[in-house]
Amino acid sequence: DVLSGPDNFFLAYAPQANPAGLVDQLGERFEVVATDIKKWTVGAPIQAPLDALEILLKRRPFKADDVQQVIVRVARTQGSVVNNREMPDICLQHMVAVMLIDKTASFKSAHDKTRMQDPAVLRVRAKVNLVLDEELQRALPRREAIVEITLTDGTKLSEHVKAVRGTPSNPMTREEVVAKARDLMAPVLGTANAASMIEKMLGLENVKNIRELRPFLQHA
């Protein structure tokens, strides 16, 4: 039993832990509803900026070519992790450029390293400036971000995201969760299998035998 006896879990990882917490409000409080679901498959500090871009694009649609400058403000310690990195999914400047071009950020686009050399992406990326903001640093552990966009016609747009989409304070809708699951599963399982799997999972309490899910886990 890893939770009791000499050198147990509590002693190894939290010598001052309170084992009674394991059963505190058992059957009343469910930690799973307090977990995060990433809307965007990117490094954590990039999520709020992408949220802000999505909001701005819906509020006032514009094209990447209409953008003169983008300023992204995030907490200092958060921004240093994603500043001009060599991997697409943890490079803030790259993912902002991809979002401006594609109007979204899929799993595929976030992991397509070849696009980091795409001239079209590089042109937009050159417009993106990251600012390590001390005020947002003080807001941690909330991963806030401010995105400020100046368009070529002089229009200025700004959005301050205080709660990342997919966190308990700003949860995703069922439709958003399904859309992400489909984006992740369909390229591997096929559209039909992914749709069937999602339907089964949303009605899991009606699945009499878990083997019913096996056919949907086959490669397309």
C-alpha atoms as a PDB file:
ATOM      1  CA  ASP A   1       0.000   0.000   0.000  1.00  0.00           C
ATOM      2  CA  VAL A   2       1.809   3.134  -1.209  1.00  0.00           C
ATOM      3  CA  LEU A   3      -0.273   5.345   1.079  1.00  0.00           C
ATOM      4  CA  SER A   4       0.755   3.742   4.380  1.00  0.00           C
ATOM      5  CA  GLY A   5       3.723   2.167   6.107  1.00  0.00           C
ATOM      6  CA  PRO A   6       7.380   3.265   6.029  1.00  0.00           C
ATOM      7  CA  ASP A   7       8.498   5.533   3.158  1.00  0.00           C
ATOM      8  CA  ASN A   8       4.927   5.865   1.908  1.00  0.00           C
ATOM      9  CA  PHE A   9       3.711   8.420  -0.636  1.00  0.00           C
ATOM     10  CA  PHE A  10       2.948  11.101   1.964  1.00  0.00           C
ATOM     11  CA  LEU A  11       6.360  10.862   3.611  1.00  0.00           C
ATOM     12  CA  ALA A  12       8.165  10.864   0.268  1.00  0.00           C
ATOM     13  CA  TYR A  13       6.372  13.785  -1.355  1.00  0.00           C
ATOM     14  CA  ALA A  14       4.719  15.803   1.390  1.00  0.00           C
ATOM     15  CA  PRO A  15       6.059  15.107   4.869  1.00  0.00           C
ATOM     16  CA  GLN A  16       3.569  17.594   6.343  1.00  0.00           C
ATOM     17  CA  ALA A  17       0.628  16.242   4.333  1.00  0.00           C
ATOM     18  CA  ASN A  18      -2.769  15.565   5.825  1.00  0.00           C
ATOM     19  CA  PRO A  19      -3.885  12.047   4.777  1.00  0.00           C
ATOM     20  CA  ALA A  20      -7.398  12.830   5.987  1.00  0.00           C
ATOM     21  CA  GLY A  21      -7.699  15.056   2.921  1.00  0.00           C
ATOM     22  CA  LEU A  22      -8.077  11.926   0.812  1.00  0.00           C
ATOM     23  CA  VAL A  23     -11.551  11.334   2.175  1.00  0.00           C
ATOM     24  CA  ASP A  24     -12.532  14.918   2.963  1.00  0.00           C
ATOM     25  CA  GLN A  25     -15.946  15.583   1.343  1.00  0.00           C
ATOM     26  CA  LEU A  26     -15.737  12.172  -0.321  1.00  0.00           C
ATOM     27  CA  GLY A  27     -18.750  11.783  -2.612  1.00  0.00           C
ATOM     28  CA  GLU A  28     -19.453  15.525  -2.459  1.00  0.00           C
ATOM     29  CA  ARG A  29     -16.396  17.218  -3.963  1.00  0.00           C
ATOM     30  CA  PHE A  30     -15.140  15.895  -7.298  1.00  0.00           C
ATOM     31  CA  GLU A  31     -11.672  17.123  -8.218  1.00  0.00           C
ATOM     32  CA  VAL A  32     -12.156  16.268 -11.892  1.00  0.00           C
ATOM     33  CA  VAL A  33     -14.486  19.266 -12.299  1.00  0.00           C
ATOM     34  CA  ALA A  34     -11.696  21.523 -11.013  1.00  0.00           C
ATOM     35  CA  THR A  35      -9.197  20.370 -13.642  1.00  0.00           C
ATOM     36  CA  ASP A  36      -8.170  22.215 -16.785  1.00  0.00           C
ATOM     37  CA  ILE A  37      -8.898  21.158 -20.359  1.00  0.00           C
ATOM     38  CA  LYS A  38      -6.599  22.820 -22.875  1.00  0.00           C
ATOM     39  CA  LYS A  39      -8.581  24.465 -25.652  1.00  0.00           C
ATOM     40  CA  TRP A  40      -5.356  25.003 -27.601  1.00  0.00           C
ATOM     41  CA  THR A  41      -2.666  22.292 -27.817  1.00  0.00           C
ATOM     42  CA  VAL A  42       0.177  24.705 -27.082  1.00  0.00           C
ATOM     43  CA  GLY A  43       2.389  25.642 -24.148  1.00  0.00           C
ATOM     44  CA  ALA A  44       0.417  27.020 -21.206  1.00  0.00           C
ATOM     45  CA  PRO A  45       1.642  30.662 -21.516  1.00  0.00           C
ATOM     46  CA  ILE A  46       0.365  30.781 -25.131  1.00  0.00           C
ATOM     47  CA  GLN A  47      -3.202  29.784 -24.301  1.00  0.00           C
ATOM     48  CA  ALA A  48      -4.438  33.158 -23.036  1.00  0.00           C
ATOM     49  CA  PRO A  49      -2.952  35.046 -26.027  1.00  0.00           C
ATOM     50  CA  LEU A  50      -4.710  32.673 -28.439  1.00  0.00           C
ATOM     51  CA  ASP A  51      -7.944  33.154 -26.478  1.00  0.00           C
ATOM     52  CA  ALA A  52      -7.540  36.902 -26.868  1.00  0.00           C
ATOM     53  CA  LEU A  53      -6.906  36.598 -30.605  1.00  0.00           C
ATOM     54  CA  GLU A  54      -9.985  34.422 -31.078  1.00  0.00           C
ATOM     55  CA  ILE A  55     -12.116  36.984 -29.233  1.00  0.00           C
ATOM     56  CA  LEU A  56     -10.715  39.863 -31.303  1.00  0.00           C
ATOM     57  CA  LEU A  57     -11.201  38.001 -34.591  1.00  0.00           C
ATOM     58  CA  LYS A  58     -14.831  37.324 -33.736  1.00  0.00           C
ATOM     59  CA  ARG A  59     -15.454  40.871 -32.579  1.00  0.00           C
ATOM     60  CA  ARG A  60     -13.907  42.559 -35.597  1.00  0.00           C
ATOM     61  CA  PRO A  61     -12.857  40.134 -38.366  1.00  0.00           C
ATOM     62  CA  PHE A  62      -9.601  41.030 -40.136  1.00  0.00           C
ATOM     63  CA  LYS A  63      -6.926  39.327 -42.233  1.00  0.00           C
ATOM     64  CA  ALA A  64      -3.308  38.742 -41.313  1.00  0.00           C
ATOM     65  CA  ASP A  65      -2.297  41.180 -44.064  1.00  0.00           C
ATOM     66  CA  ASP A  66      -4.397  43.860 -42.324  1.00  0.00           C
ATOM     67  CA  VAL A  67      -2.172  43.666 -39.247  1.00  0.00           C
ATOM     68  CA  GLN A  68       0.588  46.225 -38.789  1.00  0.00           C
ATOM     69  CA  GLN A  69       1.716  45.207 -35.304  1.00  0.00           C
ATOM     70  CA  VAL A  70       0.832  42.809 -32.508  1.00  0.00           C
ATOM     71  CA  ILE A  71       1.911  43.302 -28.907  1.00  0.00           C
ATOM     72  CA  VAL A  72       1.418  40.344 -26.579  1.00  0.00           C
ATOM     73  CA  ARG A  73       1.802  40.977 -22.853  1.00  0.00           C
ATOM     74  CA  VAL A  74       2.227  38.044 -20.492  1.00  0.00           C
ATOM     75  CA  ALA A  75       3.841  37.460 -17.093  1.00  0.00           C
ATOM     76  CA  ARG A  76       7.632  37.655 -17.120  1.00  0.00           C
ATOM     77  CA  THR A  77       8.281  34.077 -15.984  1.00  0.00           C
ATOM     78  CA  GLN A  78       5.607  32.753 -18.337  1.00  0.00           C
ATOM     79  CA  GLY A  79       6.809  34.651 -21.378  1.00  0.00           C
ATOM     80  CA  SER A  80      10.431  33.614 -21.014  1.00  0.00           C
ATOM     81  CA  VAL A  81       9.380  29.992 -21.487  1.00  0.00           C
ATOM     82  CA  VAL A  82       7.753  30.596 -24.891  1.00  0.00           C
ATOM     83  CA  ASN A  83       9.871  33.420 -26.319  1.00  0.00           C
ATOM     84  CA  ASN A  84      11.060  32.584 -29.843  1.00  0.00           C
ATOM     85  CA  ARG A  85      11.457  28.887 -29.099  1.00  0.00           C
ATOM     86  CA  GLU A  86      12.497  26.358 -31.741  1.00  0.00           C
ATOM     87  CA  MET A  87       9.408  24.138 -31.268  1.00  0.00           C
ATOM     88  CA  PRO A  88       6.195  25.453 -32.861  1.00  0.00           C
ATOM     89  CA  ASP A  89       3.802  24.565 -30.036  1.00  0.00           C
ATOM     90  CA  ILE A  90       5.869  26.435 -27.434  1.00  0.00           C
ATOM     91  CA  CYS A  91       6.837  29.414 -29.585  1.00  0.00           C
ATOM     92  CA  LEU A  92       4.490  32.293 -28.826  1.00  0.00           C
ATOM     93  CA  GLN A  93       5.453  34.448 -31.819  1.00  0.00           C
ATOM     94  CA  HIS A  94       4.979  31.546 -34.237  1.00  0.00           C
ATOM     95  CA  MET A  95       1.626  30.424 -32.832  1.00  0.00           C
ATOM     96  CA  VAL A  96       0.260  33.977 -32.847  1.00  0.00           C
ATOM     97  CA  ALA A  97       1.246  34.236 -36.518  1.00  0.00           C
ATOM     98  CA  VAL A  98      -0.406  30.875 -37.295  1.00  0.00           C
ATOM     99  CA  MET A  99      -3.571  31.961 -35.470  1.00  0.00           C
ATOM    100  CA  LEU A 100      -3.730  35.195 -37.448  1.00  0.00           C
ATOM    101  CA  ILE A 101      -3.365  33.333 -40.742  1.00  0.00           C
ATOM    102  CA  ASP A 102      -5.529  30.258 -40.029  1.00  0.00           C
ATOM    103  CA  LYS A 103      -8.014  31.969 -37.672  1.00  0.00           C
ATOM    104  CA  THR A 104      -7.558  28.985 -35.357  1.00  0.00           C
ATOM    105  CA  ALA A 105      -4.790  26.765 -33.975  1.00  0.00           C
ATOM    106  CA  SER A 106      -5.233  23.038 -34.498  1.00  0.00           C
ATOM    107  CA  PHE A 107      -3.114  20.201 -33.143  1.00  0.00           C
ATOM    108  CA  LYS A 108      -1.675  19.742 -36.630  1.00  0.00           C
ATOM    109  CA  SER A 109      -0.728  23.387 -37.105  1.00  0.00           C
ATOM    110  CA  ALA A 110       0.756  23.601 -33.604  1.00  0.00           C
ATOM    111  CA  HIS A 111       3.073  20.680 -34.362  1.00  0.00           C
ATOM    112  CA  ASP A 112       3.955  21.464 -37.976  1.00  0.00           C
ATOM    113  CA  LYS A 113       7.596  22.476 -37.652  1.00  0.00           C
ATOM    114  CA  THR A 114       7.975  23.016 -41.390  1.00  0.00           C
ATOM    115  CA  ARG A 115       5.675  26.045 -41.170  1.00  0.00           C
ATOM    116  CA  MET A 116       8.244  27.758 -38.984  1.00  0.00           C
ATOM    117  CA  GLN A 117      10.179  28.331 -42.236  1.00  0.00           C
ATOM    118  CA  ASP A 118       7.124  29.285 -44.326  1.00  0.00           C
ATOM    119  CA  PRO A 119       7.719  32.803 -45.725  1.00  0.00           C
ATOM    120  CA  ALA A 120       4.034  33.699 -45.243  1.00  0.00           C
ATOM    121  CA  VAL A 121       4.210  32.763 -41.556  1.00  0.00           C
ATOM    122  CA  LEU A 122       7.544  34.499 -41.070  1.00  0.00           C
ATOM    123  CA  ARG A 123       6.167  37.748 -42.532  1.00  0.00           C
ATOM    124  CA  VAL A 124       3.362  37.768 -39.959  1.00  0.00           C
ATOM    125  CA  ARG A 125       5.618  36.578 -37.154  1.00  0.00           C
ATOM    126  CA  ALA A 126       7.874  39.592 -37.703  1.00  0.00           C
ATOM    127  CA  LYS A 127       4.949  41.784 -36.620  1.00  0.00           C
ATOM    128  CA  VAL A 128       4.558  40.038 -33.239  1.00  0.00           C
ATOM    129  CA  ASN A 129       6.258  41.576 -30.203  1.00  0.00           C
ATOM    130  CA  LEU A 130       6.309  39.876 -26.802  1.00  0.00           C
ATOM    131  CA  VAL A 131       6.340  42.055 -23.679  1.00  0.00           C
ATOM    132  CA  LEU A 132       7.184  40.512 -20.310  1.00  0.00           C
ATOM    133  CA  ASP A 133       4.760  42.335 -18.046  1.00  0.00           C
ATOM    134  CA  GLU A 134       5.418  42.778 -14.332  1.00  0.00           C
ATOM    135  CA  GLU A 135       1.786  43.589 -13.537  1.00  0.00           C
ATOM    136  CA  LEU A 136       0.696  40.303 -15.103  1.00  0.00           C
ATOM    137  CA  GLN A 137       3.519  38.632 -13.190  1.00  0.00           C
ATOM    138  CA  ARG A 138       1.802  39.715  -9.976  1.00  0.00           C
ATOM    139  CA  ALA A 139      -1.452  38.183 -11.217  1.00  0.00           C
ATOM    140  CA  LEU A 140       0.027  34.672 -11.190  1.00  0.00           C
ATOM    141  CA  PRO A 141      -1.072  31.896 -10.787  1.00  0.00           C
ATOM    142  CA  ARG A 142      -3.755  33.314 -13.102  1.00  0.00           C
ATOM    143  CA  ARG A 143      -2.242  33.060 -16.587  1.00  0.00           C
ATOM    144  CA  GLU A 144      -3.459  36.387 -17.904  1.00  0.00           C
ATOM    145  CA  ALA A 145      -2.548  37.973 -21.224  1.00  0.00           C
ATOM    146  CA  ILE A 146      -3.167  41.250 -23.021  1.00  0.00           C
ATOM    147  CA  VAL A 147      -3.096  41.333 -26.812  1.00  0.00           C
ATOM    148  CA  GLU A 148      -2.936  44.698 -28.563  1.00  0.00           C
ATOM    149  CA  ILE A 149      -3.261  44.843 -32.352  1.00  0.00           C
ATOM    150  CA  THR A 150      -2.739  47.806 -34.632  1.00  0.00           C
ATOM    151  CA  LEU A 151      -4.226  47.407 -38.107  1.00  0.00           C
ATOM    152  CA  THR A 152      -2.858  49.039 -41.244  1.00  0.00           C
ATOM    153  CA  ASP A 153      -5.810  51.441 -41.316  1.00  0.00           C
ATOM    154  CA  GLY A 154      -4.864  52.713 -37.843  1.00  0.00           C
ATOM    155  CA  THR A 155      -7.526  50.764 -35.955  1.00  0.00           C
ATOM    156  CA  LYS A 156      -6.371  49.598 -32.513  1.00  0.00           C
ATOM    157  CA  LEU A 157      -7.794  46.459 -30.921  1.00  0.00           C
ATOM    158  CA  SER A 158      -7.127  45.161 -27.436  1.00  0.00           C
ATOM    159  CA  GLU A 159      -8.249  42.223 -25.305  1.00  0.00           C
ATOM    160  CA  HIS A 160      -7.294  41.302 -21.744  1.00  0.00           C
ATOM    161  CA  VAL A 161      -7.884  37.635 -20.922  1.00  0.00           C
ATOM    162  CA  LYS A 162      -8.013  37.058 -17.167  1.00  0.00           C
ATOM    163  CA  ALA A 163      -9.182  33.433 -17.184  1.00  0.00           C
ATOM    164  CA  VAL A 164      -7.868  30.955 -19.737  1.00  0.00           C
ATOM    165  CA  ARG A 165     -10.565  29.124 -21.673  1.00  0.00           C
ATOM    166  CA  GLY A 166     -10.845  25.567 -20.370  1.00  0.00           C
ATOM    167  CA  THR A 167     -10.043  26.405 -16.754  1.00  0.00           C
ATOM    168  CA  PRO A 168     -12.712  25.993 -14.042  1.00  0.00           C
ATOM    169  CA  SER A 169     -13.259  29.772 -13.959  1.00  0.00           C
ATOM    170  CA  ASN A 170     -13.856  29.857 -17.737  1.00  0.00           C
ATOM    171  CA  PRO A 171     -14.883  26.326 -18.748  1.00  0.00           C
ATOM    172  CA  MET A 172     -15.227  25.126 -22.314  1.00  0.00           C
ATOM    173  CA  THR A 173     -18.674  24.239 -23.603  1.00  0.00           C
ATOM    174  CA  ARG A 174     -19.471  20.647 -24.503  1.00  0.00           C
ATOM    175  CA  GLU A 175     -19.307  21.675 -28.170  1.00  0.00           C
ATOM    176  CA  GLU A 176     -15.772  23.007 -27.700  1.00  0.00           C
ATOM    177  CA  VAL A 177     -14.640  19.826 -25.937  1.00  0.00           C
ATOM    178  CA  VAL A 178     -16.140  17.708 -28.718  1.00  0.00           C
ATOM    179  CA  ALA A 179     -14.474  19.868 -31.376  1.00  0.00           C
ATOM    180  CA  LYS A 180     -11.076  19.393 -29.729  1.00  0.00           C
ATOM    181  CA  ALA A 181     -11.607  15.633 -29.362  1.00  0.00           C
ATOM    182  CA  ARG A 182     -12.584  15.408 -33.028  1.00  0.00           C
ATOM    183  CA  ASP A 183      -9.507  17.401 -34.089  1.00  0.00           C
ATOM    184  CA  LEU A 184      -7.264  15.019 -32.147  1.00  0.00           C
ATOM    185  CA  MET A 185      -8.931  11.712 -33.013  1.00  0.00           C
ATOM    186  CA  ALA A 186     -10.245  11.996 -36.575  1.00  0.00           C
ATOM    187  CA  PRO A 187      -6.814  12.075 -38.291  1.00  0.00           C
ATOM    188  CA  VAL A 188      -5.927   8.783 -36.563  1.00  0.00           C
ATOM    189  CA  LEU A 189      -9.227   6.925 -36.211  1.00  0.00           C
ATOM    190  CA  GLY A 190     -11.086   8.404 -39.182  1.00  0.00           C
ATOM    191  CA  THR A 191     -14.095  10.715 -39.125  1.00  0.00           C
ATOM    192  CA  ALA A 192     -16.699   7.979 -38.651  1.00  0.00           C
ATOM    193  CA  ASN A 193     -14.876   6.155 -35.844  1.00  0.00           C
ATOM    194  CA  ALA A 194     -14.108   9.441 -34.062  1.00  0.00           C
ATOM    195  CA  ALA A 195     -17.757  10.507 -34.234  1.00  0.00           C
ATOM    196  CA  SER A 196     -18.918   7.136 -32.877  1.00  0.00           C
ATOM    197  CA  MET A 197     -16.330   7.204 -30.103  1.00  0.00           C
ATOM    198  CA  ILE A 198     -17.380  10.705 -29.041  1.00  0.00           C
ATOM    199  CA  GLU A 199     -21.032   9.682 -29.019  1.00  0.00           C
ATOM    200  CA  LYS A 200     -20.265   6.626 -26.898  1.00  0.00           C
ATOM    201  CA  MET A 201     -18.140   8.608 -24.437  1.00  0.00           C
ATOM    202  CA  LEU A 202     -20.830  11.248 -23.964  1.00  0.00           C
ATOM    203  CA  GLY A 203     -23.240   8.457 -23.061  1.00  0.00           C
ATOM    204  CA  LEU A 204     -20.740   6.268 -21.224  1.00  0.00           C
ATOM    205  CA  GLU A 205     -23.241   5.422 -18.495  1.00  0.00           C
ATOM    206  CA  ASN A 206     -25.257   3.568 -21.152  1.00  0.00           C
ATOM    207  CA  VAL A 207     -22.328   1.429 -22.355  1.00  0.00           C
ATOM    208  CA  LYS A 208     -22.969  -2.007 -20.914  1.00  0.00           C
ATOM    209  CA  ASN A 209     -19.574  -3.494 -21.854  1.00  0.00           C
ATOM    210  CA  ILE A 210     -16.389  -1.514 -22.369  1.00  0.00           C
ATOM    211  CA  ARG A 211     -15.556  -3.822 -25.279  1.00  0.00           C
ATOM    212  CA  GLU A 212     -18.127  -1.860 -27.277  1.00  0.00           C
ATOM    213  CA  LEU A 213     -15.505   0.875 -27.623  1.00  0.00           C
ATOM    214  CA  ARG A 214     -12.843  -1.415 -29.140  1.00  0.00           C
ATOM    215  CA  PRO A 215     -14.003  -1.204 -32.792  1.00  0.00           C
ATOM    216  CA  PHE A 216     -13.790   2.574 -32.728  1.00  0.00           C
ATOM    217  CA  LEU A 217     -10.152   2.487 -31.633  1.00  0.00           C
ATOM    218  CA  GLN A 218      -8.998   0.885 -34.878  1.00  0.00           C
ATOM    219  CA  HIS A 219      -6.866   2.938 -37.244  1.00  0.00           C
ATOM    220  CA  ALA A 220      -8.858   4.256 -40.200  1.00  0.00           C
END
